Amino acid sequence: MSRAMAVEVLNRYGTDLVGEPRGSDSECLAGFECFLNIVRALGMGSCISEVGAGGSSPPLLPFSPESNMDGGKRRRLRGSSSFDFKVPGRMFLNGSSEVASMYCKQGRKGINQDAMLVWENFCSKEDTIFCGVFDGHGPYGHRVAKKVRDSFPLKLNAQWDLHHKNRDGLSDHSSATGSYKSEGNGFRLVDEKTSPTDHELDETDTILTLRESFLKACKIMDKELKHHPDIDCFCSGTTAVTLVKQGLDLVIGNVGDSRAVLGTRDHEDSLIAVQLTVDLKPNLPSTSLSLFSPPFPPWEEERIKLRRGRVFSLQNEPDVARVWLPNSDFPGLAMARAFGDFCLKDFGLIAVPDISYHRLTEKDEFVVLATDGIWDVLSNEEVVDIVASASQSTAARALVESAVRAWKTKFPFCKVDDCAAVCLFFDSDLDFKSTDTKDKLIPEASIDQSEQLALLGEKGVGNEAEKKQQ
């Protein structure tokens, strides 16, 4: 942000921040802290919160031979590779393995704020892979994205192991009043009278354990960011779409507007795209999500407004809904969920993941995780076709380069966004004999309503209407 822009912000919001307050003291304080963070970020190229840019450069990392993540001259260190040799099977730079391809390219908006990760034999778990892409925003978004990339998998594994130790306490799923059924991009409640078999319950334990582990790991991750001594997350944050594949089970956790899409075959053996996640935009209606049923809190736009946050679009981009503080036109975040961004956490923004499940079949070929730099210019079908037409080792690079070309063609006067993609390919030799053609029955999760409310951070939401009436 230039100094002239900072002066404009001060002139525009100064009355609200340091003059006679229009709202509560906490609202003024939140706005003032946001402004101070912007002042600290002078010269960092920060824009409206969705399209932030960087500050000081992150520590240099060894780049793979094909890496171009720094957007400039390539730095190659002796023994450099896409793999992190400190952790077997962990890959976070441009490159490929036998099962995955990943590529990231810096855009024209400043420092690269996208990050990505593939971790085979995740935390020494056999036949388990963790994948994720992370899209940072705000003055320190690049640091937040890398922090979540490095820390979240470990927190997820810790919660997973903790649930395994308490496995006996999770075994009594048959007493649930209902059960959940995997349905492409989420879970929905099915007939109470239907009860899964013992074999299905064994598999279901893994799914439910991962579901609860995702929820708690996200909560812990966001709390750590809030109190991080070296990363200012008040007006900076990141998305995260992460996936755990164990055997034939895929469990996806999504925070923000990055996306996961499956490349699979239909009954005519034609390649099609199936979106596994929902883009969590601020104006998303409650009917778009199916993970939790009432009486859990409402979703996205309704939730934000209940917390006194505001949702509206700017005149020059009417299709982009943004989240704003109650009494200041700031910060304008273009997503309803994110890690960090604590200036909005009291006004409807949450870091709770939307969790979806998919059981692999012999028709499924690969899954693509990518940041919105790709989805903004390419359709799901175009992405699947590009990946399918490339070799496995170059698929992610081909996808990113196609997206960059699309940016220049469709938006010639706009700056190209950062683009990151992870392509995970499925083994054609997998044993699908045990896979029922019907959807797996998933008993209701063991997280009770009070704990769910705590995870969502909905403290006091139910009392907002009462406060307004008083």
Protein backbone atom coordinates (compact mmCIF):
# COMPACT_ATOMS: atom_id res chain seq x y z
CA MET A 1 0.00 0.00 0.00
CA SER A 2 1.36 3.45 -0.91
CA ARG A 3 1.50 6.29 1.58
CA ALA A 4 -1.11 8.14 -0.47
CA MET A 5 -3.48 5.19 -0.06
CA ALA A 6 -2.81 5.16 3.68
CA VAL A 7 -3.69 8.84 3.90
CA GLU A 8 -6.88 8.15 1.96
CA VAL A 9 -7.79 5.37 4.39
CA LEU A 10 -7.14 7.70 7.33
CA ASN A 11 -9.30 10.42 5.81
CA ARG A 12 -12.06 7.93 5.06
CA TYR A 13 -12.13 6.08 8.35
CA GLY A 14 -10.49 8.57 10.70
CA THR A 15 -13.78 9.81 12.14
CA ASP A 16 -14.85 6.31 12.98
CA LEU A 17 -11.49 5.37 14.45
CA VAL A 18 -10.31 8.33 16.47
CA GLY A 19 -13.25 10.74 16.51
CA GLU A 20 -16.73 10.35 17.87
CA PRO A 21 -17.50 6.62 17.75
CA ARG A 22 -20.47 5.41 15.74
CA GLY A 23 -20.49 1.97 17.33
CA SER A 24 -19.26 0.28 20.47
CA ASP A 25 -15.78 0.75 21.93
CA SER A 26 -14.78 -2.73 20.82
CA GLU A 27 -15.77 -1.96 17.22
CA CYS A 28 -13.73 1.25 17.20
CA LEU A 29 -10.77 -0.56 18.74
CA ALA A 30 -11.00 -3.29 16.10
CA GLY A 31 -11.06 -0.73 13.31
CA PHE A 32 -8.18 1.23 14.84
CA GLU A 33 -6.04 -1.89 15.22
CA CYS A 34 -6.77 -2.75 11.59
CA PHE A 35 -5.58 0.70 10.55
CA LEU A 36 -2.40 0.39 12.61
CA ASN A 37 -1.64 -2.90 10.89
CA ILE A 38 -2.04 -1.21 7.52
CA VAL A 39 0.33 1.58 8.53
CA ARG A 40 2.90 -1.04 9.58
CA ALA A 41 2.52 -2.65 6.17
CA LEU A 42 3.35 0.51 4.17
CA GLY A 43 5.33 -0.43 1.10
CA MET A 44 4.16 -4.02 1.21
CA GLY A 45 1.69 -3.68 -1.64
CA SER A 46 -1.31 -4.62 0.48
CA CYS A 47 -4.72 -4.16 -1.06
CA ILE A 48 -8.22 -5.08 0.08
CA SER A 49 -7.79 -8.01 2.41
CA GLU A 50 -8.42 -10.70 -0.19
CA VAL A 51 -5.51 -9.59 -2.37
CA GLY A 52 -2.82 -8.86 0.16
CA ALA A 53 0.86 -8.84 -0.57
CA GLY A 54 3.95 -9.45 1.37
CA GLY A 55 6.30 -7.78 3.74
CA SER A 56 9.77 -9.05 4.48
CA SER A 57 10.83 -11.97 2.38
CA PRO A 58 10.46 -15.43 3.87
CA PRO A 59 13.53 -17.55 4.54
CA LEU A 60 15.08 -18.97 1.38
CA LEU A 61 14.18 -22.58 0.75
CA PRO A 62 15.85 -25.00 -1.64
CA PHE A 63 14.03 -24.95 -4.97
CA SER A 64 13.60 -27.92 -7.22
CA PRO A 65 15.11 -27.61 -10.73
CA GLU A 66 11.73 -26.72 -12.24
CA SER A 67 10.72 -24.33 -9.47
CA ASN A 68 9.79 -20.77 -10.27
CA MET A 69 7.97 -19.87 -7.07
CA ASP A 70 10.07 -16.76 -6.45
CA GLY A 71 9.13 -15.24 -9.82
CA GLY A 72 12.72 -14.23 -10.46
CA LYS A 73 16.06 -15.91 -10.92
CA ARG A 74 16.07 -19.47 -9.76
CA ARG A 75 18.15 -20.33 -6.74
CA ARG A 76 19.44 -23.86 -6.71
CA LEU A 77 21.18 -25.22 -3.68
CA ARG A 78 23.33 -28.31 -3.70
CA GLY A 79 21.17 -31.35 -3.21
CA SER A 80 17.98 -29.33 -3.69
CA SER A 81 14.78 -31.23 -4.32
CA SER A 82 11.03 -30.98 -4.06
CA PHE A 83 11.21 -33.22 -1.01
CA ASP A 84 11.86 -32.21 2.57
CA PHE A 85 14.65 -34.62 3.48
CA LYS A 86 14.05 -33.99 7.19
CA VAL A 87 10.61 -35.62 6.91
CA PRO A 88 10.34 -38.67 4.62
CA GLY A 89 7.63 -38.36 1.98
CA ARG A 90 6.93 -34.67 2.65
CA MET A 91 7.00 -32.50 -0.48
CA PHE A 92 6.24 -28.76 -0.51
CA LEU A 93 8.00 -27.34 -3.58
CA ASN A 94 7.41 -27.68 -7.31
CA GLY A 95 7.87 -31.26 -8.44
CA SER A 96 6.30 -34.69 -8.53
CA SER A 97 6.36 -38.17 -7.03
CA GLU A 98 4.92 -41.51 -8.08
CA VAL A 99 1.44 -40.48 -6.92
CA ALA A 100 1.35 -36.68 -7.00
CA SER A 101 2.29 -33.61 -8.99
CA MET A 102 2.45 -30.09 -7.55
CA TYR A 103 3.27 -26.67 -8.92
CA CYS A 104 3.03 -23.06 -7.76
CA LYS A 105 3.69 -19.87 -9.70
CA GLN A 106 3.85 -16.35 -8.36
CA GLY A 107 1.42 -13.85 -9.86
CA ARG A 108 1.82 -10.13 -10.44
CA LYS A 109 0.36 -8.89 -7.16
CA GLY A 110 3.49 -9.00 -5.02
CA ILE A 111 5.15 -11.75 -3.04
CA ASN A 112 3.80 -15.26 -3.62
CA GLN A 113 1.23 -16.02 -0.91
CA ASP A 114 0.25 -19.53 -2.04
CA ALA A 115 1.65 -22.65 -0.37
CA MET A 116 1.13 -26.37 -0.93
CA LEU A 117 2.00 -29.75 0.54
CA VAL A 118 1.96 -33.46 -0.27
CA TRP A 119 2.92 -35.86 2.52
CA GLU A 120 3.06 -39.54 1.61
CA ASN A 121 2.89 -42.11 4.43
CA PHE A 122 1.53 -39.23 6.47
CA CYS A 123 3.16 -39.24 9.92
CA SER A 124 4.32 -42.84 9.30
CA LYS A 125 0.76 -44.03 8.72
CA GLU A 126 0.71 -46.77 6.10
CA ASP A 127 -1.32 -46.15 2.94
CA THR A 128 -2.12 -42.60 4.08
CA ILE A 129 -1.49 -39.36 2.17
CA PHE A 130 -2.04 -35.76 3.25
CA CYS A 131 -2.42 -33.03 0.62
CA GLY A 132 -3.20 -29.35 0.93
CA VAL A 133 -3.11 -25.94 -0.74
CA PHE A 134 -3.12 -22.66 1.18
CA ASP A 135 -3.89 -19.18 -0.19
CA GLY A 136 -2.69 -16.35 2.02
CA HIS A 137 -4.03 -12.79 2.02
CA GLY A 138 -3.23 -9.54 3.78
CA PRO A 139 0.15 -7.96 4.57
CA TYR A 140 1.53 -11.15 6.13
CA GLY A 141 -0.56 -13.71 4.26
CA HIS A 142 2.50 -15.48 2.89
CA ARG A 143 3.72 -16.16 6.42
CA VAL A 144 0.31 -17.32 7.63
CA ALA A 145 -0.06 -19.70 4.68
CA LYS A 146 3.34 -21.28 5.28
CA LYS A 147 2.72 -21.52 9.01
CA VAL A 148 -0.55 -23.38 8.47
CA ARG A 149 1.09 -25.58 5.84
CA ASP A 150 3.82 -26.58 8.27
CA SER A 151 1.82 -26.82 11.51
CA PHE A 152 -1.70 -27.95 10.65
CA PRO A 153 -0.78 -31.49 9.47
CA LEU A 154 1.01 -32.12 12.76
CA LYS A 155 -1.97 -30.91 14.78
CA LEU A 156 -4.30 -33.07 12.70
CA ASN A 157 -2.11 -36.09 13.29
CA ALA A 158 -1.95 -35.37 17.03
CA GLN A 159 -5.74 -35.25 17.25
CA TRP A 160 -6.05 -38.37 15.10
CA ASP A 161 -3.68 -40.28 17.38
CA LEU A 162 -5.54 -39.01 20.44
CA HIS A 163 -8.82 -40.34 19.06
CA HIS A 164 -7.19 -43.68 18.28
CA LYS A 165 -6.13 -43.96 21.92
CA ASN A 166 -9.72 -43.36 22.91
CA ARG A 167 -11.07 -45.73 20.27
CA ASP A 168 -13.14 -47.67 22.79
CA GLY A 169 -15.02 -44.50 23.60
CA LEU A 170 -15.87 -44.00 19.93
CA SER A 171 -17.07 -47.53 19.25
CA ASP A 172 -20.65 -47.11 20.43
CA HIS A 173 -21.87 -45.45 17.23
CA SER A 174 -24.83 -47.78 16.86
CA SER A 175 -26.65 -45.92 19.63
CA ALA A 176 -26.89 -42.79 17.51
CA THR A 177 -30.43 -41.73 16.56
CA GLY A 178 -29.47 -41.27 12.94
CA SER A 179 -26.61 -41.84 10.55
CA TYR A 180 -24.80 -39.82 7.93
CA LYS A 181 -24.45 -40.84 4.32
CA SER A 182 -21.60 -39.77 2.08
CA GLU A 183 -23.03 -37.84 -0.82
CA GLY A 184 -20.31 -36.42 -3.02
CA ASN A 185 -19.61 -33.11 -1.29
CA GLY A 186 -20.86 -33.67 2.24
CA PHE A 187 -22.81 -35.71 4.77
CA ARG A 188 -26.57 -35.81 5.13
CA LEU A 189 -28.88 -37.47 7.62
CA VAL A 190 -30.47 -40.71 6.42
CA ASP A 191 -33.12 -43.11 7.71
CA GLU A 192 -32.86 -43.74 11.45
CA LYS A 193 -33.91 -47.37 11.01
CA THR A 194 -30.91 -48.21 8.86
CA SER A 195 -27.94 -49.61 10.76
CA PRO A 196 -24.49 -50.26 9.27
CA THR A 197 -22.73 -53.61 9.40
CA ASP A 198 -19.76 -54.31 11.66
CA HIS A 199 -17.42 -54.05 8.66
CA GLU A 200 -18.89 -50.67 7.76
CA LEU A 201 -18.56 -49.51 11.36
CA ASP A 202 -14.83 -50.33 11.37
CA GLU A 203 -14.35 -48.17 8.28
CA THR A 204 -16.69 -45.53 9.65
CA ASP A 205 -14.59 -45.14 12.80
CA THR A 206 -11.73 -43.86 10.65
CA ILE A 207 -13.97 -41.37 8.86
CA LEU A 208 -15.60 -40.02 12.02
CA THR A 209 -12.27 -39.88 13.82
CA LEU A 210 -10.81 -37.84 10.97
CA ARG A 211 -13.86 -35.59 10.94
CA GLU A 212 -13.54 -34.75 14.61
CA SER A 213 -9.76 -34.46 14.27
CA PHE A 214 -10.15 -31.91 11.47
CA LEU A 215 -12.56 -29.83 13.55
CA LYS A 216 -10.37 -29.74 16.65
CA ALA A 217 -7.08 -29.30 14.76
CA CYS A 218 -8.49 -26.24 12.96
CA LYS A 219 -9.58 -24.74 16.26
CA ILE A 220 -6.14 -25.31 17.79
CA MET A 221 -4.38 -23.96 14.68
CA ASP A 222 -6.38 -20.74 14.70
CA LYS A 223 -5.78 -20.23 18.42
CA GLU A 224 -2.04 -20.66 17.89
CA LEU A 225 -2.07 -18.05 15.13
CA LYS A 226 -3.91 -15.61 17.38
CA HIS A 227 -1.17 -15.79 19.98
CA HIS A 228 1.78 -16.22 17.60
CA PRO A 229 4.58 -13.87 18.72
CA ASP A 230 6.12 -13.34 15.28
CA ILE A 231 3.21 -13.35 12.80
CA ASP A 232 0.67 -10.53 12.87
CA CYS A 233 -2.59 -12.23 11.90
CA PHE A 234 -4.96 -9.40 12.81
CA CYS A 235 -5.56 -8.40 9.18
CA SER A 236 -3.83 -11.35 7.51
CA GLY A 237 -4.92 -14.94 7.04
CA THR A 238 -5.12 -17.92 4.73
CA THR A 239 -7.49 -20.43 3.19
CA ALA A 240 -6.83 -24.16 3.46
CA VAL A 241 -8.27 -27.05 1.51
CA THR A 242 -6.73 -30.24 2.85
CA LEU A 243 -7.28 -33.90 2.14
CA VAL A 244 -6.44 -37.16 3.85
CA LYS A 245 -6.54 -40.32 1.77
CA GLN A 246 -6.39 -43.59 3.66
CA GLY A 247 -6.96 -46.64 1.52
CA LEU A 248 -10.12 -45.90 -0.46
CA ASP A 249 -11.38 -43.17 1.88
CA LEU A 250 -11.02 -39.46 1.12
CA VAL A 251 -11.82 -36.94 3.86
CA ILE A 252 -11.55 -33.28 2.83
CA GLY A 253 -11.49 -30.28 5.15
CA ASN A 254 -12.13 -26.88 3.58
CA VAL A 255 -11.62 -23.43 5.11
CA GLY A 256 -12.13 -20.59 2.62
CA ASP A 257 -12.53 -20.52 -1.14
CA SER A 258 -9.86 -22.88 -2.43
CA ARG A 259 -11.34 -26.00 -4.04
CA ALA A 260 -11.05 -29.78 -4.51
CA VAL A 261 -12.31 -31.42 -7.71
CA LEU A 262 -12.41 -35.12 -8.59
CA GLY A 263 -11.63 -36.46 -12.05
CA THR A 264 -13.74 -39.58 -12.58
CA ARG A 265 -15.56 -41.61 -15.26
CA ASP A 266 -19.32 -41.70 -15.75
CA HIS A 267 -21.42 -44.72 -16.79
CA GLU A 268 -20.40 -44.09 -20.42
CA ASP A 269 -16.72 -44.03 -19.45
CA SER A 270 -16.44 -40.31 -20.21
CA LEU A 271 -14.18 -38.23 -18.00
CA ILE A 272 -16.16 -35.81 -15.83
CA ALA A 273 -15.46 -33.36 -13.01
CA VAL A 274 -17.07 -33.70 -9.58
CA GLN A 275 -16.59 -30.83 -7.14
CA LEU A 276 -15.88 -32.20 -3.67
CA THR A 277 -15.93 -28.91 -1.74
CA VAL A 278 -18.03 -25.76 -1.53
CA ASP A 279 -16.44 -22.34 -2.10
CA LEU A 280 -17.15 -20.68 1.25
CA LYS A 281 -18.03 -17.19 0.04
CA PRO A 282 -19.63 -14.57 2.32
CA ASN A 283 -22.95 -14.60 0.43
CA LEU A 284 -23.27 -18.40 0.44
CA PRO A 285 -26.82 -19.40 1.50
CA SER A 286 -27.35 -22.03 4.16
CA THR A 287 -28.87 -24.44 1.63
CA SER A 288 -25.46 -24.88 -0.01
CA LEU A 289 -24.02 -26.76 2.96
CA SER A 290 -25.13 -30.14 4.21
CA LEU A 291 -22.59 -31.20 6.82
CA PHE A 292 -24.51 -30.27 9.97
CA SER A 293 -28.24 -30.26 10.49
CA PRO A 294 -30.25 -27.93 12.79
CA PRO A 295 -30.12 -26.85 15.58
CA PHE A 296 -26.52 -25.95 14.78
CA PRO A 297 -25.88 -22.28 13.95
CA PRO A 298 -26.78 -20.85 10.52
CA TRP A 299 -24.16 -20.54 7.83
CA GLU A 300 -22.16 -17.94 6.03
CA GLU A 301 -24.10 -14.74 5.22
CA GLU A 302 -26.75 -15.33 7.89
CA ARG A 303 -24.10 -16.16 10.49
CA ILE A 304 -22.01 -13.09 9.60
CA LYS A 305 -25.01 -10.77 9.87
CA LEU A 306 -26.04 -12.31 13.20
CA ARG A 307 -22.60 -11.36 14.50
CA ARG A 308 -23.09 -7.79 13.19
CA GLY A 309 -20.64 -8.20 10.33
CA ARG A 310 -21.72 -6.84 6.96
CA VAL A 311 -21.72 -8.49 3.54
CA PHE A 312 -21.78 -6.46 0.33
CA SER A 313 -19.92 -6.00 -2.96
CA LEU A 314 -18.05 -3.00 -4.31
CA GLN A 315 -19.48 -1.18 -7.31
CA ASN A 316 -16.53 -2.06 -9.52
CA GLU A 317 -16.80 -5.80 -8.72
CA PRO A 318 -20.50 -6.55 -8.11
CA ASP A 319 -19.97 -10.32 -8.25
CA VAL A 320 -17.49 -10.41 -5.35
CA ALA A 321 -19.19 -10.41 -1.94
CA ARG A 322 -16.97 -9.27 0.93
CA VAL A 323 -17.07 -9.19 4.73
CA TRP A 324 -16.82 -5.81 6.44
CA LEU A 325 -16.69 -4.51 10.00
CA PRO A 326 -20.01 -3.24 11.43
CA ASN A 327 -19.22 0.48 11.20
CA SER A 328 -16.25 0.70 8.84
CA ASP A 329 -15.84 -0.25 5.20
CA PHE A 330 -12.93 -2.47 6.10
CA PRO A 331 -11.30 -4.98 5.54
CA GLY A 332 -13.43 -6.43 2.71
CA LEU A 333 -12.52 -10.11 2.98
CA ALA A 334 -13.82 -12.16 0.04
CA MET A 335 -14.44 -15.36 2.00
CA ALA A 336 -16.56 -16.42 4.96
CA ARG A 337 -13.98 -18.68 6.63
CA ALA A 338 -10.25 -18.33 7.08
CA PHE A 339 -7.40 -18.94 9.47
CA GLY A 340 -6.27 -15.66 11.01
CA ASP A 341 -8.02 -12.37 10.14
CA PHE A 342 -8.80 -11.79 13.81
CA CYS A 343 -10.19 -8.31 13.15
CA LEU A 344 -13.28 -10.16 11.83
CA LYS A 345 -13.47 -13.14 14.17
CA ASP A 346 -15.95 -11.35 16.46
CA PHE A 347 -18.13 -10.47 13.47
CA GLY A 348 -18.92 -13.79 11.82
CA LEU A 349 -15.68 -15.02 10.27
CA ILE A 350 -14.78 -18.53 11.47
CA ALA A 351 -12.03 -21.09 10.89
CA VAL A 352 -14.31 -24.14 11.15
CA PRO A 353 -13.81 -26.49 8.19
CA ASP A 354 -16.59 -27.74 5.96
CA ILE A 355 -15.86 -31.47 5.85
CA SER A 356 -16.75 -33.79 2.99
CA TYR A 357 -16.20 -37.47 2.33
CA HIS A 358 -15.77 -39.59 -0.78
CA ARG A 359 -15.26 -43.33 -1.15
CA LEU A 360 -13.02 -44.13 -4.12
CA THR A 361 -14.22 -46.44 -6.89
CA GLU A 362 -12.50 -47.89 -9.93
CA LYS A 363 -13.93 -44.96 -11.93
CA ASP A 364 -11.96 -42.33 -9.98
CA GLU A 365 -8.63 -41.26 -11.52
CA PHE A 366 -7.34 -38.20 -9.65
CA VAL A 367 -8.23 -35.27 -7.43
CA VAL A 368 -7.07 -31.67 -7.89
CA LEU A 369 -6.60 -29.22 -5.01
CA ALA A 370 -6.01 -25.65 -6.16
CA THR A 371 -6.21 -22.02 -5.06
CA ASP A 372 -8.68 -19.56 -6.57
CA GLY A 373 -6.05 -18.24 -8.96
CA ILE A 374 -6.89 -21.30 -11.02
CA TRP A 375 -10.64 -21.60 -10.40
CA ASP A 376 -11.22 -17.92 -11.22
CA VAL A 377 -10.25 -18.50 -14.85
CA LEU A 378 -10.77 -22.23 -15.49
CA SER A 379 -13.91 -24.33 -15.02
CA ASN A 380 -13.89 -27.66 -13.20
CA GLU A 381 -14.24 -29.45 -16.54
CA GLU A 382 -11.34 -27.53 -18.09
CA VAL A 383 -9.13 -28.36 -15.11
CA VAL A 384 -9.92 -32.07 -15.30
CA ASP A 385 -9.30 -32.15 -19.06
CA ILE A 386 -5.94 -30.38 -18.70
CA VAL A 387 -4.75 -32.74 -15.97
CA ALA A 388 -5.93 -35.83 -17.85
CA SER A 389 -4.15 -34.77 -21.05
CA ALA A 390 -0.78 -34.24 -19.35
CA SER A 391 1.63 -36.76 -17.91
CA GLN A 392 1.35 -37.34 -14.18
CA SER A 393 4.72 -35.73 -13.49
CA THR A 394 3.85 -32.51 -15.35
CA ALA A 395 0.09 -32.30 -14.73
CA ALA A 396 0.19 -29.60 -12.04
CA ARG A 397 2.61 -27.46 -14.01
CA ALA A 398 0.48 -27.78 -17.16
CA LEU A 399 -2.57 -26.72 -15.15
CA VAL A 400 -0.91 -23.67 -13.61
CA GLU A 401 0.54 -22.53 -16.93
CA SER A 402 -2.88 -22.92 -18.56
CA ALA A 403 -4.40 -20.78 -15.81
CA VAL A 404 -1.77 -18.06 -16.30
CA ARG A 405 -2.53 -17.96 -20.03
CA ALA A 406 -6.25 -17.78 -19.26
CA TRP A 407 -5.66 -14.82 -16.93
CA LYS A 408 -3.85 -12.91 -19.67
CA THR A 409 -6.60 -13.71 -22.19
CA LYS A 410 -9.70 -13.16 -20.05
CA PHE A 411 -8.41 -10.32 -17.86
CA PRO A 412 -5.68 -8.56 -19.89
CA PHE A 413 -5.80 -5.45 -17.69
CA CYS A 414 -5.75 -7.31 -14.36
CA LYS A 415 -2.78 -8.61 -12.45
CA VAL A 416 -2.39 -12.38 -12.60
CA ASP A 417 -3.09 -14.02 -9.25
CA ASP A 418 -0.80 -16.55 -7.56
CA CYS A 419 -1.63 -20.09 -8.69
CA ALA A 420 -0.97 -23.34 -6.81
CA ALA A 421 -2.16 -26.84 -7.64
CA VAL A 422 -1.74 -30.35 -6.25
CA CYS A 423 -2.78 -33.33 -8.38
CA LEU A 424 -3.13 -36.64 -6.52
CA PHE A 425 -3.44 -39.71 -8.75
CA PHE A 426 -5.08 -42.93 -7.65
CA ASP A 427 -3.50 -46.34 -8.06
CA SER A 428 -5.28 -48.33 -10.75
CA ASP A 429 -4.29 -51.51 -8.92
CA LEU A 430 -6.26 -50.63 -5.77
CA ASP A 431 -8.55 -53.37 -4.50
CA PHE A 432 -12.09 -52.12 -5.04
CA LYS A 433 -13.74 -55.48 -4.38
CA SER A 434 -14.67 -54.50 -0.84
CA THR A 435 -16.23 -51.24 -2.00
CA ASP A 436 -20.01 -51.38 -1.91
CA THR A 437 -21.65 -49.70 -4.88
CA LYS A 438 -24.03 -48.04 -2.43
CA ASP A 439 -22.98 -45.08 -0.33
CA LYS A 440 -21.37 -45.87 2.98
CA LEU A 441 -23.52 -45.29 6.06
CA ILE A 442 -21.85 -42.99 8.52
CA PRO A 443 -23.23 -42.80 12.08
CA GLU A 444 -23.78 -39.42 13.63
CA ALA A 445 -20.63 -37.78 14.97
CA SER A 446 -19.97 -37.85 18.67
CA ILE A 447 -19.42 -34.10 18.99
CA ASP A 448 -22.40 -32.80 20.96
CA GLN A 449 -24.14 -29.50 20.32
CA SER A 450 -22.40 -27.52 23.06
CA GLU A 451 -18.97 -28.62 21.84
CA GLN A 452 -19.94 -27.84 18.24
CA LEU A 453 -21.03 -24.36 19.26
CA ALA A 454 -17.68 -23.86 20.98
CA LEU A 455 -15.82 -25.06 17.88
CA LEU A 456 -17.76 -22.61 15.74
CA GLY A 457 -16.92 -19.77 18.09
CA GLU A 458 -20.60 -18.78 18.20
CA LYS A 459 -20.45 -17.31 21.68
CA GLY A 460 -23.45 -15.18 22.23
CA VAL A 461 -24.94 -15.63 18.76
CA GLY A 462 -28.19 -16.87 20.15
CA ASN A 463 -28.47 -13.76 22.29
CA GLU A 464 -27.96 -11.24 19.47
CA ALA A 465 -31.66 -10.99 18.69
CA GLU A 466 -32.43 -10.49 22.38
CA LYS A 467 -29.84 -7.73 22.61
CA LYS A 468 -31.34 -5.92 19.64
CA GLN A 469 -34.83 -6.13 21.14
CA GLN A 470 -33.72 -4.68 24.47
